[in-house]
């Protein structure tokens, strides 16, 4: 199966391709999830020896934080990103799908990162 080159926007519209911009947006979210998974892989999974039953490892604490705090924040950021994507595609004259997808993904993800790390 060969990949065809991306089709440029039709001559009169001067707007970015919504499908390509959406794929760029999804790529940013996948990159964040993969980076979190790689970060989890670097953490220790062992529980301190002098600790009782109530202790967790660094990895399990980070995973719980990711599930209960970061995942809902990422979901809200995704909703904001999709709304921004719709606005940027329909209301601006930006022709680059990569730029539109990146703008719509990076700003909410940065806000999500700042808010979740401040907790």
PDB file of N, CA and C in Angstrom:
ATOM      1  N   UNK A   1       0.841  -1.162   0.000  1.00  0.00           N
ATOM      2  CA  UNK A   1       0.000   0.000   0.000  1.00  0.00           C
ATOM      3  C   UNK A   1       0.890   1.230   0.000  1.00  0.00           C
ATOM      4  N   UNK A   2       0.698   2.091  -0.942  1.00  0.00           N
ATOM      5  CA  UNK A   2       1.489   3.315  -0.997  1.00  0.00           C
ATOM      6  C   UNK A   2       0.660   4.471  -0.487  1.00  0.00           C
ATOM      7  N   UNK A   3       1.349   5.380   0.140  1.00  0.00           N
ATOM      8  CA  UNK A   3       0.679   6.566   0.652  1.00  0.00           C
ATOM      9  C   UNK A   3       0.695   7.644  -0.412  1.00  0.00           C
ATOM     10  N   UNK A   4      -0.434   8.233  -0.636  1.00  0.00           N
ATOM     11  CA  UNK A   4      -0.485   9.321  -1.595  1.00  0.00           C
ATOM     12  C   UNK A   4      -0.142  10.622  -0.891  1.00  0.00           C
ATOM     13  N   UNK A   5       0.419  11.561  -1.614  1.00  0.00           N
ATOM     14  CA  UNK A   5       0.750  12.839  -0.980  1.00  0.00           C
ATOM     15  C   UNK A   5      -0.527  13.554  -0.557  1.00  0.00           C
ATOM     16  N   UNK A   6      -0.429  14.380   0.484  1.00  0.00           N
ATOM     17  CA  UNK A   6      -1.636  15.080   0.935  1.00  0.00           C
ATOM     18  C   UNK A   6      -2.153  16.013  -0.152  1.00  0.00           C
ATOM     19  N   UNK A   7      -3.456  16.043  -0.236  1.00  0.00           N
ATOM     20  CA  UNK A   7      -4.078  16.910  -1.229  1.00  0.00           C
ATOM     21  C   UNK A   7      -4.120  18.331  -0.703  1.00  0.00           C
ATOM     22  N   UNK A   8      -3.720  19.289  -1.500  1.00  0.00           N
ATOM     23  CA  UNK A   8      -3.806  20.678  -1.036  1.00  0.00           C
ATOM     24  C   UNK A   8      -5.261  21.121  -0.959  1.00  0.00           C
ATOM     25  N   UNK A   9      -5.470  22.181  -0.247  1.00  0.00           N
ATOM     26  CA  UNK A   9      -6.821  22.726  -0.135  1.00  0.00           C
ATOM     27  C   UNK A   9      -7.292  23.164  -1.519  1.00  0.00           C
ATOM     28  N   UNK A  10      -8.595  23.090  -1.771  1.00  0.00           N
ATOM     29  CA  UNK A  10      -9.095  23.551  -3.067  1.00  0.00           C
ATOM     30  C   UNK A  10      -8.694  25.007  -3.315  1.00  0.00           C
ATOM     31  N   UNK A  11      -8.590  25.351  -4.577  1.00  0.00           N
ATOM     32  CA  UNK A  11      -7.996  26.623  -4.975  1.00  0.00           C
ATOM     33  C   UNK A  11      -8.686  27.847  -4.372  1.00  0.00           C
ATOM     34  N   UNK A  12      -9.967  27.845  -4.220  1.00  0.00           N
ATOM     35  CA  UNK A  12     -10.654  29.053  -3.782  1.00  0.00           C
ATOM     36  C   UNK A  12     -10.792  29.211  -2.280  1.00  0.00           C
ATOM     37  N   UNK A  13     -10.582  28.162  -1.507  1.00  0.00           N
ATOM     38  CA  UNK A  13     -10.901  28.241  -0.082  1.00  0.00           C
ATOM     39  C   UNK A  13      -9.815  28.921   0.729  1.00  0.00           C
ATOM     40  N   UNK A  14      -8.551  28.584   0.501  1.00  0.00           N
ATOM     41  CA  UNK A  14      -7.477  29.184   1.282  1.00  0.00           C
ATOM     42  C   UNK A  14      -7.476  28.728   2.725  1.00  0.00           C
ATOM     43  N   UNK A  15      -8.027  27.564   2.998  1.00  0.00           N
ATOM     44  CA  UNK A  15      -8.099  27.049   4.362  1.00  0.00           C
ATOM     45  C   UNK A  15      -7.389  25.713   4.454  1.00  0.00           C
ATOM     46  N   UNK A  16      -7.084  25.347   5.684  1.00  0.00           N
ATOM     47  CA  UNK A  16      -6.394  24.085   5.933  1.00  0.00           C
ATOM     48  C   UNK A  16      -7.342  22.902   5.747  1.00  0.00           C
ATOM     49  N   UNK A  17      -6.777  21.772   5.434  1.00  0.00           N
ATOM     50  CA  UNK A  17      -7.544  20.538   5.308  1.00  0.00           C
ATOM     51  C   UNK A  17      -7.949  20.080   6.710  1.00  0.00           C
ATOM     52  N   UNK A  18      -9.240  19.976   7.024  1.00  0.00           N
ATOM     53  CA  UNK A  18      -9.666  19.619   8.374  1.00  0.00           C
ATOM     54  C   UNK A  18      -9.222  18.222   8.805  1.00  0.00           C
ATOM     55  N   UNK A  19      -9.213  17.259   7.877  1.00  0.00           N
ATOM     56  CA  UNK A  19      -8.799  15.901   8.245  1.00  0.00           C
ATOM     57  C   UNK A  19      -7.329  15.849   8.624  1.00  0.00           C
ATOM     58  N   UNK A  20      -6.501  16.503   7.851  1.00  0.00           N
ATOM     59  CA  UNK A  20      -5.067  16.502   8.147  1.00  0.00           C
ATOM     60  C   UNK A  20      -4.796  17.236   9.463  1.00  0.00           C
ATOM     61  N   UNK A  21      -5.482  18.336   9.687  1.00  0.00           N
ATOM     62  CA  UNK A  21      -5.307  19.070  10.940  1.00  0.00           C
ATOM     63  C   UNK A  21      -5.759  18.231  12.132  1.00  0.00           C
ATOM     64  N   UNK A  22      -6.834  17.476  11.968  1.00  0.00           N
ATOM     65  CA  UNK A  22      -7.307  16.593  13.032  1.00  0.00           C
ATOM     66  C   UNK A  22      -6.280  15.503  13.332  1.00  0.00           C
ATOM     67  N   UNK A  23      -5.664  14.950  12.292  1.00  0.00           N
ATOM     68  CA  UNK A  23      -4.650  13.925  12.501  1.00  0.00           C
ATOM     69  C   UNK A  23      -3.420  14.485  13.222  1.00  0.00           C
ATOM     70  N   UNK A  24      -3.059  15.712  12.929  1.00  0.00           N
ATOM     71  CA  UNK A  24      -1.955  16.353  13.653  1.00  0.00           C
ATOM     72  C   UNK A  24      -2.337  16.527  15.119  1.00  0.00           C
ATOM     73  N   UNK A  25      -3.549  16.969  15.377  1.00  0.00           N
ATOM     74  CA  UNK A  25      -4.036  17.129  16.757  1.00  0.00           C
ATOM     75  C   UNK A  25      -3.980  15.796  17.503  1.00  0.00           C
ATOM     76  N   UNK A  26      -4.461  14.742  16.885  1.00  0.00           N
ATOM     77  CA  UNK A  26      -4.436  13.421  17.517  1.00  0.00           C
ATOM     78  C   UNK A  26      -2.996  12.977  17.761  1.00  0.00           C
ATOM     79  N   UNK A  27      -2.115  13.290  16.837  1.00  0.00           N
ATOM     80  CA  UNK A  27      -0.705  12.949  17.006  1.00  0.00           C
ATOM     81  C   UNK A  27      -0.085  13.583  18.238  1.00  0.00           C
ATOM     82  N   UNK A  28      -0.442  14.819  18.519  1.00  0.00           N
ATOM     83  CA  UNK A  28       0.062  15.479  19.726  1.00  0.00           C
ATOM     84  C   UNK A  28      -0.434  14.781  20.987  1.00  0.00           C
ATOM     85  N   UNK A  29      -1.694  14.395  21.013  1.00  0.00           N
ATOM     86  CA  UNK A  29      -2.229  13.707  22.195  1.00  0.00           C
ATOM     87  C   UNK A  29      -1.604  12.322  22.358  1.00  0.00           C
ATOM     88  N   UNK A  30      -1.389  11.626  21.260  1.00  0.00           N
ATOM     89  CA  UNK A  30      -0.728  10.322  21.332  1.00  0.00           C
ATOM     90  C   UNK A  30       0.699  10.497  21.847  1.00  0.00           C
ATOM     91  N   UNK A  31       1.376  11.545  21.411  1.00  0.00           N
ATOM     92  CA  UNK A  31       2.745  11.791  21.876  1.00  0.00           C
ATOM     93  C   UNK A  31       2.788  12.034  23.379  1.00  0.00           C
ATOM     94  N   UNK A  32       1.807  12.744  23.911  1.00  0.00           N
ATOM     95  CA  UNK A  32       1.763  12.998  25.355  1.00  0.00           C
ATOM     96  C   UNK A  32       1.522  11.697  26.120  1.00  0.00           C
ATOM     97  N   UNK A  33       0.620  10.861  25.640  1.00  0.00           N
ATOM     98  CA  UNK A  33       0.325   9.597  26.319  1.00  0.00           C
ATOM     99  C   UNK A  33       1.536   8.665  26.263  1.00  0.00           C
ATOM    100  N   UNK A  34       2.212   8.616  25.129  1.00  0.00           N
ATOM    101  CA  UNK A  34       3.410   7.781  25.005  1.00  0.00           C
ATOM    102  C   UNK A  34       4.515   8.292  25.926  1.00  0.00           C
ATOM    103  N   UNK A  35       4.685   9.611  26.000  1.00  0.00           N
ATOM    104  CA  UNK A  35       5.703  10.180  26.892  1.00  0.00           C
ATOM    105  C   UNK A  35       5.397   9.841  28.351  1.00  0.00           C
ATOM    106  N   UNK A  36       4.127   9.871  28.738  1.00  0.00           N
ATOM    107  CA  UNK A  36       3.759   9.501  30.102  1.00  0.00           C
ATOM    108  C   UNK A  36       4.063   8.032  30.355  1.00  0.00           C
ATOM    109  N   UNK A  37       3.776   7.188  29.391  1.00  0.00           N
ATOM    110  CA  UNK A  37       4.083   5.768  29.533  1.00  0.00           C
ATOM    111  C   UNK A  37       5.575   5.517  29.650  1.00  0.00           C
ATOM    112  N   UNK A  38       6.369   6.222  28.864  1.00  0.00           N
ATOM    113  CA  UNK A  38       7.821   6.087  28.973  1.00  0.00           C
ATOM    114  C   UNK A  38       8.322   6.587  30.321  1.00  0.00           C
ATOM    115  N   UNK A  39       7.728   7.668  30.820  1.00  0.00           N
ATOM    116  CA  UNK A  39       8.088   8.175  32.135  1.00  0.00           C
ATOM    117  C   UNK A  39       7.755   7.153  33.218  1.00  0.00           C
ATOM    118  N   UNK A  40       6.613   6.497  33.106  1.00  0.00           N
ATOM    119  CA  UNK A  40       6.248   5.457  34.072  1.00  0.00           C
ATOM    120  C   UNK A  40       7.257   4.323  34.070  1.00  0.00           C
ATOM    121  N   UNK A  41       7.793   4.026  32.903  1.00  0.00           N
ATOM    122  CA  UNK A  41       8.773   2.958  32.801  1.00  0.00           C
ATOM    123  C   UNK A  41      10.081   3.267  33.507  1.00  0.00           C
ATOM    124  N   UNK A  42      10.376   4.536  33.726  1.00  0.00           N
ATOM    125  CA  UNK A  42      11.615   4.896  34.404  1.00  0.00           C
ATOM    126  C   UNK A  42      11.485   4.890  35.916  1.00  0.00           C
ATOM    127  N   UNK A  43      10.272   4.852  36.426  1.00  0.00           N
ATOM    128  CA  UNK A  43      10.069   4.912  37.872  1.00  0.00           C
ATOM    129  C   UNK A  43      10.222   3.532  38.502  1.00  0.00           C
ATOM    130  N   UNK A  44      10.577   3.550  39.761  1.00  0.00           N
ATOM    131  CA  UNK A  44      10.778   2.308  40.503  1.00  0.00           C
ATOM    132  C   UNK A  44       9.431   1.703  40.893  1.00  0.00           C
ATOM    133  N   UNK A  45       9.337   0.404  40.741  1.00  0.00           N
ATOM    134  CA  UNK A  45       8.114  -0.292  41.119  1.00  0.00           C
ATOM    135  C   UNK A  45       8.209  -0.962  42.467  1.00  0.00           C
ATOM    136  N   UNK A  46       9.314  -0.769  43.167  1.00  0.00           N
ATOM    137  CA  UNK A  46       9.498  -1.443  44.459  1.00  0.00           C
ATOM    138  C   UNK A  46       8.991  -0.564  45.603  1.00  0.00           C
ATOM    139  N   UNK A  47       8.441  -1.229  46.599  1.00  0.00           N
ATOM    140  CA  UNK A  47       7.941  -0.562  47.797  1.00  0.00           C
ATOM    141  C   UNK A  47       9.084  -0.543  48.820  1.00  0.00           C
ATOM    142  N   UNK A  48       9.271   0.561  49.544  1.00  0.00           N
ATOM    143  CA  UNK A  48      10.326   0.593  50.560  1.00  0.00           C
ATOM    144  C   UNK A  48      10.158  -0.544  51.575  1.00  0.00           C
ATOM    145  N   UNK A  49      11.281  -1.108  52.020  1.00  0.00           N
ATOM    146  CA  UNK A  49      11.256  -2.283  52.897  1.00  0.00           C
ATOM    147  C   UNK A  49      10.690  -1.969  54.278  1.00  0.00           C
ATOM    148  N   UNK A  50      10.933  -0.790  54.804  1.00  0.00           N
ATOM    149  CA  UNK A  50      10.479  -0.457  56.151  1.00  0.00           C
ATOM    150  C   UNK A  50       9.039   0.039  56.183  1.00  0.00           C
ATOM    151  N   UNK A  51       8.358  -0.027  55.076  1.00  0.00           N
ATOM    152  CA  UNK A  51       6.999   0.492  54.977  1.00  0.00           C
ATOM    153  C   UNK A  51       5.995  -0.638  55.189  1.00  0.00           C
ATOM    154  N   UNK A  52       4.856  -0.308  55.726  1.00  0.00           N
ATOM    155  CA  UNK A  52       3.806  -1.303  55.967  1.00  0.00           C
ATOM    156  C   UNK A  52       2.972  -1.548  54.729  1.00  0.00           C
ATOM    157  N   UNK A  53       1.749  -1.996  54.939  1.00  0.00           N
ATOM    158  CA  UNK A  53       0.855  -2.316  53.826  1.00  0.00           C
ATOM    159  C   UNK A  53       0.300  -1.079  53.133  1.00  0.00           C
ATOM    160  N   UNK A  54       0.347   0.074  53.776  1.00  0.00           N
ATOM    161  CA  UNK A  54      -0.267   1.275  53.220  1.00  0.00           C
ATOM    162  C   UNK A  54       0.600   2.031  52.236  1.00  0.00           C
ATOM    163  N   UNK A  55       1.785   1.542  51.944  1.00  0.00           N
ATOM    164  CA  UNK A  55       2.700   2.263  51.053  1.00  0.00           C
ATOM    165  C   UNK A  55       2.565   1.783  49.614  1.00  0.00           C
ATOM    166  N   UNK A  56       2.813   2.692  48.711  1.00  0.00           N
ATOM    167  CA  UNK A  56       2.805   2.387  47.289  1.00  0.00           C
ATOM    168  C   UNK A  56       4.164   2.721  46.704  1.00  0.00           C
ATOM    169  N   UNK A  57       4.439   2.169  45.555  1.00  0.00           N
ATOM    170  CA  UNK A  57       5.686   2.498  44.860  1.00  0.00           C
ATOM    171  C   UNK A  57       5.513   3.816  44.116  1.00  0.00           C
ATOM    172  N   UNK A  58       6.642   4.355  43.664  1.00  0.00           N
ATOM    173  CA  UNK A  58       6.584   5.595  42.893  1.00  0.00           C
ATOM    174  C   UNK A  58       5.756   5.403  41.632  1.00  0.00           C
ATOM    175  N   UNK A  59       5.934   4.262  41.013  1.00  0.00           N
ATOM    176  CA  UNK A  59       5.215   3.984  39.766  1.00  0.00           C
ATOM    177  C   UNK A  59       3.708   3.930  40.003  1.00  0.00           C
ATOM    178  N   UNK A  60       3.274   3.259  41.055  1.00  0.00           N
ATOM    179  CA  UNK A  60       1.831   3.149  41.286  1.00  0.00           C
ATOM    180  C   UNK A  60       1.227   4.493  41.691  1.00  0.00           C
ATOM    181  N   UNK A  61       1.960   5.297  42.463  1.00  0.00           N
ATOM    182  CA  UNK A  61       1.449   6.633  42.810  1.00  0.00           C
ATOM    183  C   UNK A  61       1.301   7.505  41.574  1.00  0.00           C
ATOM    184  N   UNK A  62       2.292   7.442  40.681  1.00  0.00           N
ATOM    185  CA  UNK A  62       2.222   8.236  39.458  1.00  0.00           C
ATOM    186  C   UNK A  62       1.117   7.737  38.543  1.00  0.00           C
ATOM    187  N   UNK A  63       0.918   6.443  38.478  1.00  0.00           N
ATOM    188  CA  UNK A  63      -0.154   5.888  37.663  1.00  0.00           C
ATOM    189  C   UNK A  63      -1.521   6.290  38.206  1.00  0.00           C
ATOM    190  N   UNK A  64      -1.687   6.261  39.506  1.00  0.00           N
ATOM    191  CA  UNK A  64      -2.955   6.694  40.114  1.00  0.00           C
ATOM    192  C   UNK A  64      -3.195   8.172  39.846  1.00  0.00           C
ATOM    193  N   UNK A  65      -2.136   8.992  39.963  1.00  0.00           N
ATOM    194  CA  UNK A  65      -2.261  10.417  39.636  1.00  0.00           C
ATOM    195  C   UNK A  65      -2.664  10.590  38.175  1.00  0.00           C
ATOM    196  N   UNK A  66      -2.050   9.809  37.308  1.00  0.00           N
ATOM    197  CA  UNK A  66      -2.375   9.906  35.889  1.00  0.00           C
ATOM    198  C   UNK A  66      -3.809   9.513  35.593  1.00  0.00           C
ATOM    199  N   UNK A  67      -4.299   8.490  36.263  1.00  0.00           N
ATOM    200  CA  UNK A  67      -5.662   8.036  36.009  1.00  0.00           C
ATOM    201  C   UNK A  67      -6.727   8.967  36.575  1.00  0.00           C
ATOM    202  N   UNK A  68      -6.485   9.490  37.772  1.00  0.00           N
ATOM    203  CA  UNK A  68      -7.519  10.282  38.434  1.00  0.00           C
ATOM    204  C   UNK A  68      -7.405  11.780  38.224  1.00  0.00           C
ATOM    205  N   UNK A  69      -6.236  12.281  37.843  1.00  0.00           N
ATOM    206  CA  UNK A  69      -6.068  13.721  37.658  1.00  0.00           C
ATOM    207  C   UNK A  69      -5.738  14.059  36.206  1.00  0.00           C
ATOM    208  N   UNK A  70      -4.704  13.433  35.671  1.00  0.00           N
ATOM    209  CA  UNK A  70      -4.241  13.799  34.336  1.00  0.00           C
ATOM    210  C   UNK A  70      -5.205  13.355  33.234  1.00  0.00           C
ATOM    211  N   UNK A  71      -5.791  12.180  33.346  1.00  0.00           N
ATOM    212  CA  UNK A  71      -6.706  11.700  32.297  1.00  0.00           C
ATOM    213  C   UNK A  71      -7.949  12.592  32.160  1.00  0.00           C
ATOM    214  N   UNK A  72      -8.632  12.971  33.260  1.00  0.00           N
ATOM    215  CA  UNK A  72      -9.756  13.895  33.081  1.00  0.00           C
ATOM    216  C   UNK A  72      -9.322  15.270  32.554  1.00  0.00           C
ATOM    217  N   UNK A  73      -8.152  15.728  32.989  1.00  0.00           N
ATOM    218  CA  UNK A  73      -7.653  17.011  32.482  1.00  0.00           C
ATOM    219  C   UNK A  73      -7.349  16.915  30.990  1.00  0.00           C
ATOM    220  N   UNK A  74      -6.797  15.786  30.570  1.00  0.00           N
ATOM    221  CA  UNK A  74      -6.519  15.603  29.137  1.00  0.00           C
ATOM    222  C   UNK A  74      -7.816  15.510  28.331  1.00  0.00           C
ATOM    223  N   UNK A  75      -8.837  14.900  28.902  1.00  0.00           N
ATOM    224  CA  UNK A  75     -10.119  14.829  28.216  1.00  0.00           C
ATOM    225  C   UNK A  75     -10.705  16.227  28.018  1.00  0.00           C
ATOM    226  N   UNK A  76     -10.646  17.052  29.050  1.00  0.00           N
ATOM    227  CA  UNK A  76     -11.129  18.433  28.911  1.00  0.00           C
ATOM    228  C   UNK A  76     -10.284  19.208  27.908  1.00  0.00           C
ATOM    229  N   UNK A  77      -8.975  18.991  27.930  1.00  0.00           N
ATOM    230  CA  UNK A  77      -8.109  19.650  26.962  1.00  0.00           C
ATOM    231  C   UNK A  77      -8.438  19.188  25.546  1.00  0.00           C
ATOM    232  N   UNK A  78      -8.790  17.918  25.383  1.00  0.00           N
ATOM    233  CA  UNK A  78      -9.173  17.415  24.064  1.00  0.00           C
ATOM    234  C   UNK A  78     -10.447  18.087  23.568  1.00  0.00           C
ATOM    235  N   UNK A  79     -11.404  18.269  24.448  1.00  0.00           N
ATOM    236  CA  UNK A  79     -12.634  18.960  24.049  1.00  0.00           C
ATOM    237  C   UNK A  79     -12.352  20.395  23.625  1.00  0.00           C
ATOM    238  N   UNK A  80     -11.505  21.077  24.384  1.00  0.00           N
ATOM    239  CA  UNK A  80     -11.130  22.449  24.022  1.00  0.00           C
ATOM    240  C   UNK A  80     -10.360  22.451  22.703  1.00  0.00           C
ATOM    241  N   UNK A  81      -9.493  21.469  22.513  1.00  0.00           N
ATOM    242  CA  UNK A  81      -8.724  21.384  21.274  1.00  0.00           C
ATOM    243  C   UNK A  81      -9.626  21.168  20.061  1.00  0.00           C
ATOM    244  N   UNK A  82     -10.618  20.316  20.215  1.00  0.00           N
ATOM    245  CA  UNK A  82     -11.541  20.082  19.099  1.00  0.00           C
ATOM    246  C   UNK A  82     -12.340  21.339  18.760  1.00  0.00           C
ATOM    247  N   UNK A  83     -12.745  22.079  19.786  1.00  0.00           N
ATOM    248  CA  UNK A  83     -13.452  23.339  19.539  1.00  0.00           C
ATOM    249  C   UNK A  83     -12.530  24.349  18.860  1.00  0.00           C
ATOM    250  N   UNK A  84     -11.281  24.417  19.333  1.00  0.00           N
ATOM    251  CA  UNK A  84     -10.325  25.333  18.701  1.00  0.00           C
ATOM    252  C   UNK A  84     -10.046  24.929  17.261  1.00  0.00           C
ATOM    253  N   UNK A  85      -9.975  23.629  17.002  1.00  0.00           N
ATOM    254  CA  UNK A  85      -9.741  23.150  15.645  1.00  0.00           C
ATOM    255  C   UNK A  85     -10.879  23.575  14.726  1.00  0.00           C
ATOM    256  N   UNK A  86     -12.101  23.428  15.192  1.00  0.00           N
ATOM    257  CA  UNK A  86     -13.249  23.826  14.378  1.00  0.00           C
ATOM    258  C   UNK A  86     -13.217  25.321  14.076  1.00  0.00           C
ATOM    259  N   UNK A  87     -12.871  26.110  15.078  1.00  0.00           N
ATOM    260  CA  UNK A  87     -12.810  27.560  14.871  1.00  0.00           C
ATOM    261  C   UNK A  87     -11.663  27.932  13.942  1.00  0.00           C
ATOM    262  N   UNK A  88     -10.502  27.331  14.158  1.00  0.00           N
ATOM    263  CA  UNK A  88      -9.350  27.682  13.328  1.00  0.00           C
ATOM    264  C   UNK A  88      -9.538  27.268  11.867  1.00  0.00           C
ATOM    265  N   UNK A  89     -10.179  26.132  11.648  1.00  0.00           N
ATOM    266  CA  UNK A  89     -10.392  25.691  10.271  1.00  0.00           C
ATOM    267  C   UNK A  89     -11.437  26.559   9.578  1.00  0.00           C
ATOM    268  N   UNK A  90     -12.488  26.909  10.291  1.00  0.00           N
ATOM    269  CA  UNK A  90     -13.577  27.628   9.633  1.00  0.00           C
ATOM    270  C   UNK A  90     -13.394  29.144   9.595  1.00  0.00           C
ATOM    271  N   UNK A  91     -12.707  29.707  10.564  1.00  0.00           N
ATOM    272  CA  UNK A  91     -12.670  31.168  10.661  1.00  0.00           C
ATOM    273  C   UNK A  91     -11.349  31.816  10.259  1.00  0.00           C
ATOM    274  N   UNK A  92     -10.296  31.042  10.109  1.00  0.00           N
ATOM    275  CA  UNK A  92      -9.015  31.649   9.760  1.00  0.00           C
ATOM    276  C   UNK A  92      -8.625  31.278   8.337  1.00  0.00           C
ATOM    277  N   UNK A  93      -7.654  31.954   7.836  1.00  0.00           N
ATOM    278  CA  UNK A  93      -7.162  31.685   6.492  1.00  0.00           C
ATOM    279  C   UNK A  93      -5.815  30.972   6.523  1.00  0.00           C
ATOM    280  N   UNK A  94      -5.511  30.305   7.630  1.00  0.00           N
ATOM    281  CA  UNK A  94      -4.262  29.563   7.724  1.00  0.00           C
ATOM    282  C   UNK A  94      -4.368  28.354   6.801  1.00  0.00           C
ATOM    283  N   UNK A  95      -3.394  28.191   5.912  1.00  0.00           N
ATOM    284  CA  UNK A  95      -3.457  27.114   4.928  1.00  0.00           C
ATOM    285  C   UNK A  95      -2.756  25.854   5.402  1.00  0.00           C
ATOM    286  N   UNK A  96      -1.865  25.966   6.367  1.00  0.00           N
ATOM    287  CA  UNK A  96      -1.087  24.817   6.811  1.00  0.00           C
ATOM    288  C   UNK A  96      -1.886  23.982   7.809  1.00  0.00           C
ATOM    289  N   UNK A  97      -2.144  22.748   7.449  1.00  0.00           N
ATOM    290  CA  UNK A  97      -2.862  21.841   8.349  1.00  0.00           C
ATOM    291  C   UNK A  97      -2.032  21.511   9.569  1.00  0.00           C
ATOM    292  N   UNK A  98      -0.724  21.427   9.383  1.00  0.00           N
ATOM    293  CA  UNK A  98       0.169  21.144  10.513  1.00  0.00           C
ATOM    294  C   UNK A  98       0.107  22.280  11.529  1.00  0.00           C
ATOM    295  N   UNK A  99       0.123  23.506  11.050  1.00  0.00           N
ATOM    296  CA  UNK A  99       0.056  24.651  11.954  1.00  0.00           C
ATOM    297  C   UNK A  99      -1.293  24.719  12.672  1.00  0.00           C
ATOM    298  N   UNK A 100      -2.365  24.485  11.957  1.00  0.00           N
ATOM    299  CA  UNK A 100      -3.702  24.523  12.577  1.00  0.00           C
ATOM    300  C   UNK A 100      -3.836  23.418  13.620  1.00  0.00           C
ATOM    301  N   UNK A 101      -3.412  22.202  13.289  1.00  0.00           N
ATOM    302  CA  UNK A 101      -3.491  21.095  14.244  1.00  0.00           C
ATOM    303  C   UNK A 101      -2.613  21.323  15.452  1.00  0.00           C
ATOM    304  N   UNK A 102      -1.422  21.871  15.236  1.00  0.00           N
ATOM    305  CA  UNK A 102      -0.514  22.139  16.355  1.00  0.00           C
ATOM    306  C   UNK A 102      -1.044  23.247  17.246  1.00  0.00           C
ATOM    307  N   UNK A 103      -1.533  24.315  16.662  1.00  0.00           N
ATOM    308  CA  UNK A 103      -2.094  25.399  17.480  1.00  0.00           C
ATOM    309  C   UNK A 103      -3.282  24.936  18.306  1.00  0.00           C
ATOM    310  N   UNK A 104      -4.125  24.127  17.705  1.00  0.00           N
ATOM    311  CA  UNK A 104      -5.311  23.679  18.431  1.00  0.00           C
ATOM    312  C   UNK A 104      -4.981  22.641  19.496  1.00  0.00           C
ATOM    313  N   UNK A 105      -3.849  21.968  19.400  1.00  0.00           N
ATOM    314  CA  UNK A 105      -3.501  20.942  20.390  1.00  0.00           C
ATOM    315  C   UNK A 105      -2.566  21.453  21.475  1.00  0.00           C
ATOM    316  N   UNK A 106      -1.569  22.231  21.098  1.00  0.00           N
ATOM    317  CA  UNK A 106      -0.506  22.570  22.037  1.00  0.00           C
ATOM    318  C   UNK A 106      -0.971  23.538  23.124  1.00  0.00           C
ATOM    319  N   UNK A 107      -1.771  24.502  22.797  1.00  0.00           N
ATOM    320  CA  UNK A 107      -2.201  25.470  23.817  1.00  0.00           C
ATOM    321  C   UNK A 107      -3.031  24.830  24.929  1.00  0.00           C
ATOM    322  N   UNK A 108      -4.060  24.020  24.616  1.00  0.00           N
ATOM    323  CA  UNK A 108      -4.776  23.345  25.705  1.00  0.00           C
ATOM    324  C   UNK A 108      -3.921  22.318  26.439  1.00  0.00           C
ATOM    325  N   UNK A 109      -3.029  21.634  25.737  1.00  0.00           N
ATOM    326  CA  UNK A 109      -2.149  20.672  26.412  1.00  0.00           C
ATOM    327  C   UNK A 109      -1.190  21.374  27.363  1.00  0.00           C
ATOM    328  N   UNK A 110      -0.689  22.532  26.976  1.00  0.00           N
ATOM    329  CA  UNK A 110       0.198  23.293  27.860  1.00  0.00           C
ATOM    330  C   UNK A 110      -0.557  23.757  29.102  1.00  0.00           C
ATOM    331  N   UNK A 111      -1.783  24.241  28.916  1.00  0.00           N
ATOM    332  CA  UNK A 111      -2.594  24.652  30.068  1.00  0.00           C
ATOM    333  C   UNK A 111      -2.899  23.452  30.962  1.00  0.00           C
ATOM    334  N   UNK A 112      -3.181  22.315  30.358  1.00  0.00           N
ATOM    335  CA  UNK A 112      -3.431  21.076  31.117  1.00  0.00           C
ATOM    336  C   UNK A 112      -2.196  20.697  31.909  1.00  0.00           C
ATOM    337  N   UNK A 113      -1.038  20.771  31.294  1.00  0.00           N
ATOM    338  CA  UNK A 113       0.196  20.432  31.992  1.00  0.00           C
ATOM    339  C   UNK A 113       0.491  21.357  33.153  1.00  0.00           C
ATOM    340  N   UNK A 114       0.276  22.639  32.961  1.00  0.00           N
ATOM    341  CA  UNK A 114       0.515  23.599  34.039  1.00  0.00           C
ATOM    342  C   UNK A 114      -0.447  23.363  35.192  1.00  0.00           C
ATOM    343  N   UNK A 115      -1.708  23.127  34.886  1.00  0.00           N
ATOM    344  CA  UNK A 115      -2.688  22.907  35.951  1.00  0.00           C
ATOM    345  C   UNK A 115      -2.466  21.603  36.705  1.00  0.00           C
ATOM    346  N   UNK A 116      -2.127  20.536  36.005  1.00  0.00           N
ATOM    347  CA  UNK A 116      -1.956  19.256  36.702  1.00  0.00           C
ATOM    348  C   UNK A 116      -0.648  19.207  37.484  1.00  0.00           C
ATOM    349  N   UNK A 117       0.393  19.884  37.039  1.00  0.00           N
ATOM    350  CA  UNK A 117       1.634  19.877  37.807  1.00  0.00           C
ATOM    351  C   UNK A 117       1.575  20.793  39.008  1.00  0.00           C
ATOM    352  N   UNK A 118       0.643  21.732  39.009  1.00  0.00           N
ATOM    353  CA  UNK A 118       0.531  22.614  40.164  1.00  0.00           C
ATOM    354  C   UNK A 118      -0.251  21.972  41.306  1.00  0.00           C
ATOM    355  N   UNK A 119      -0.856  20.826  41.080  1.00  0.00           N
ATOM    356  CA  UNK A 119      -1.613  20.146  42.135  1.00  0.00           C
ATOM    357  C   UNK A 119      -0.719  19.458  43.118  1.00  0.00           C
TER     358      UNK A 119
END
